[in-house]
Amino acid sequence: MTPFGDKQAGQLSGGNKRKLCCAISLIANPQVEFLDEPTTGVDPVARRSLFKMLKQLRNSSILLTTHRMDEAESLCDKIAIMINGKFVCYGSPGHLKQVYGKGYEIIVHSKDQMGVATAEAAI
């Protein structure tokens, strides 16, 4: 954020505003921190930097909302998945992978064999 020290917060890009908000909220090393999609609009380098900073917090609890499972897995000891406003599962990343991490199944219907071969080649 050093290159932006002479700018007002309102003049920053969306990603830089998000980085500034995270930095301000973490400055006092709070006991509880609420982060709502902290890496949305943030570049990959800054995202990794934020992950590193959050992992170094001691004596803090963080409640994180995200659409990114890799982010939750990297940062969280426990994950709750919410669908339509209701918690549908809760557990450690390893537990959730074991129970729900079976991957995807794709079923392709085709009128002729040529369509099936094309679909298989694409997969």
Protein backbone atom coordinates (compact mmCIF):
# COMPACT_ATOMS: atom_id res chain seq x y z
CA MET A 1 0.00 0.00 0.00
CA THR A 2 3.06 2.28 0.26
CA PRO A 3 2.76 3.53 -3.36
CA PHE A 4 -0.76 4.75 -2.55
CA GLY A 5 0.08 6.70 0.61
CA ASP A 6 -0.75 10.04 -1.00
CA LYS A 7 -4.24 8.98 -2.18
CA GLN A 8 -7.54 9.11 -0.33
CA ALA A 9 -9.27 5.77 0.16
CA GLY A 10 -12.05 6.77 -2.24
CA GLN A 11 -9.53 7.13 -5.06
CA LEU A 12 -8.23 3.56 -4.74
CA SER A 13 -9.28 0.66 -6.97
CA GLY A 14 -11.71 -1.91 -5.57
CA GLY A 15 -8.93 -4.40 -4.84
CA ASN A 16 -6.78 -1.81 -3.09
CA LYS A 17 -9.76 -0.62 -1.03
CA ARG A 18 -10.28 -4.21 0.10
CA LYS A 19 -6.60 -4.54 1.03
CA LEU A 20 -6.78 -1.29 2.98
CA CYS A 21 -9.89 -2.43 4.87
CA CYS A 22 -8.23 -5.73 5.80
CA ALA A 23 -5.06 -3.94 6.95
CA ILE A 24 -7.01 -1.47 9.10
CA SER A 25 -9.12 -4.21 10.69
CA LEU A 26 -6.08 -6.35 11.56
CA ILE A 27 -3.84 -3.58 12.90
CA ALA A 28 -4.85 -4.11 16.54
CA ASN A 29 -4.56 -7.94 16.37
CA PRO A 30 -8.22 -8.40 17.41
CA GLN A 31 -9.45 -11.43 19.32
CA VAL A 32 -12.29 -11.89 16.82
CA GLU A 33 -12.20 -10.74 13.20
CA PHE A 34 -15.05 -10.89 10.68
CA LEU A 35 -13.92 -10.93 7.03
CA ASP A 36 -16.51 -10.89 4.24
CA GLU A 37 -14.90 -12.17 1.03
CA PRO A 38 -11.59 -10.43 1.76
CA THR A 39 -9.88 -11.44 -1.49
CA THR A 40 -12.61 -10.49 -3.97
CA GLY A 41 -11.05 -8.20 -6.57
CA VAL A 42 -7.56 -8.63 -5.11
CA ASP A 43 -4.65 -9.69 -7.32
CA PRO A 44 -3.05 -13.14 -6.73
CA VAL A 45 0.13 -11.74 -5.12
CA ALA A 46 -1.85 -9.65 -2.62
CA ARG A 47 -4.15 -12.63 -2.00
CA ARG A 48 -1.19 -14.83 -0.99
CA SER A 49 0.16 -12.01 1.16
CA LEU A 50 -3.17 -11.70 2.99
CA PHE A 51 -3.28 -15.49 3.52
CA LYS A 52 0.21 -15.39 5.01
CA MET A 53 -0.72 -12.51 7.31
CA LEU A 54 -3.94 -14.21 8.49
CA LYS A 55 -2.12 -17.47 9.21
CA GLN A 56 0.35 -15.61 11.43
CA LEU A 57 -2.35 -14.14 13.69
CA ARG A 58 -2.15 -15.62 17.14
CA ASN A 59 -4.90 -15.68 19.76
CA SER A 60 -7.44 -14.60 17.14
CA SER A 61 -10.59 -16.18 15.80
CA ILE A 62 -11.59 -15.33 12.25
CA LEU A 63 -15.03 -15.73 10.76
CA LEU A 64 -14.55 -15.75 6.99
CA THR A 65 -17.17 -15.74 4.26
CA THR A 66 -16.04 -16.82 0.81
CA HIS A 67 -17.19 -18.51 -2.35
CA ARG A 68 -13.73 -20.02 -2.81
CA MET A 69 -13.28 -23.47 -1.30
CA ASP A 70 -9.49 -23.30 -1.76
CA GLU A 71 -9.46 -20.12 0.33
CA ALA A 72 -11.54 -21.71 3.10
CA GLU A 73 -9.38 -24.84 3.06
CA SER A 74 -6.18 -22.81 3.27
CA LEU A 75 -7.28 -20.51 6.08
CA CYS A 76 -9.84 -22.38 8.18
CA ASP A 77 -9.76 -25.11 10.80
CA LYS A 78 -13.53 -25.60 10.48
CA ILE A 79 -15.79 -24.90 7.50
CA ALA A 80 -19.56 -24.48 7.43
CA ILE A 81 -21.30 -24.57 4.06
CA MET A 82 -24.48 -22.57 3.70
CA ILE A 83 -27.08 -23.06 0.98
CA ASN A 84 -30.13 -20.81 0.75
CA GLY A 85 -29.43 -19.33 4.18
CA LYS A 86 -29.13 -22.67 6.00
CA PHE A 87 -26.03 -24.50 7.16
CA VAL A 88 -25.97 -27.85 5.38
CA CYS A 89 -22.64 -29.23 6.60
CA TYR A 90 -19.88 -28.40 9.05
CA GLY A 91 -16.47 -29.88 9.74
CA SER A 92 -12.75 -29.75 9.11
CA PRO A 93 -11.55 -29.39 5.51
CA GLY A 94 -10.39 -33.02 5.57
CA HIS A 95 -13.75 -34.25 6.88
CA LEU A 96 -15.70 -32.34 4.23
CA LYS A 97 -13.44 -33.69 1.47
CA GLN A 98 -13.86 -37.23 2.75
CA VAL A 99 -17.65 -37.01 2.94
CA TYR A 100 -18.46 -34.71 0.01
CA GLY A 101 -15.32 -34.62 -2.15
CA LYS A 102 -16.23 -37.28 -4.65
CA GLY A 103 -15.86 -34.95 -7.62
CA TYR A 104 -18.24 -34.44 -10.50
CA GLU A 105 -20.10 -36.90 -12.66
CA ILE A 106 -20.95 -35.80 -16.19
CA ILE A 107 -23.58 -37.62 -18.22
CA VAL A 108 -23.63 -36.90 -21.96
CA HIS A 109 -26.45 -38.01 -24.24
CA SER A 110 -25.95 -37.97 -28.00
CA LYS A 111 -28.02 -38.98 -30.98
CA ASP A 112 -25.05 -40.50 -32.76
CA GLN A 113 -21.71 -42.10 -31.84
CA MET A 114 -19.76 -39.20 -33.37
CA GLY A 115 -21.16 -36.81 -30.74
CA VAL A 116 -20.04 -39.13 -27.93
CA ALA A 117 -16.49 -39.35 -29.31
CA THR A 118 -16.32 -35.54 -29.60
CA ALA A 119 -17.54 -35.12 -26.01
CA GLU A 120 -15.06 -37.70 -24.67
CA ALA A 121 -12.20 -36.00 -26.51
CA ALA A 122 -13.16 -32.65 -24.97
CA ILE A 123 -13.15 -34.09 -21.47
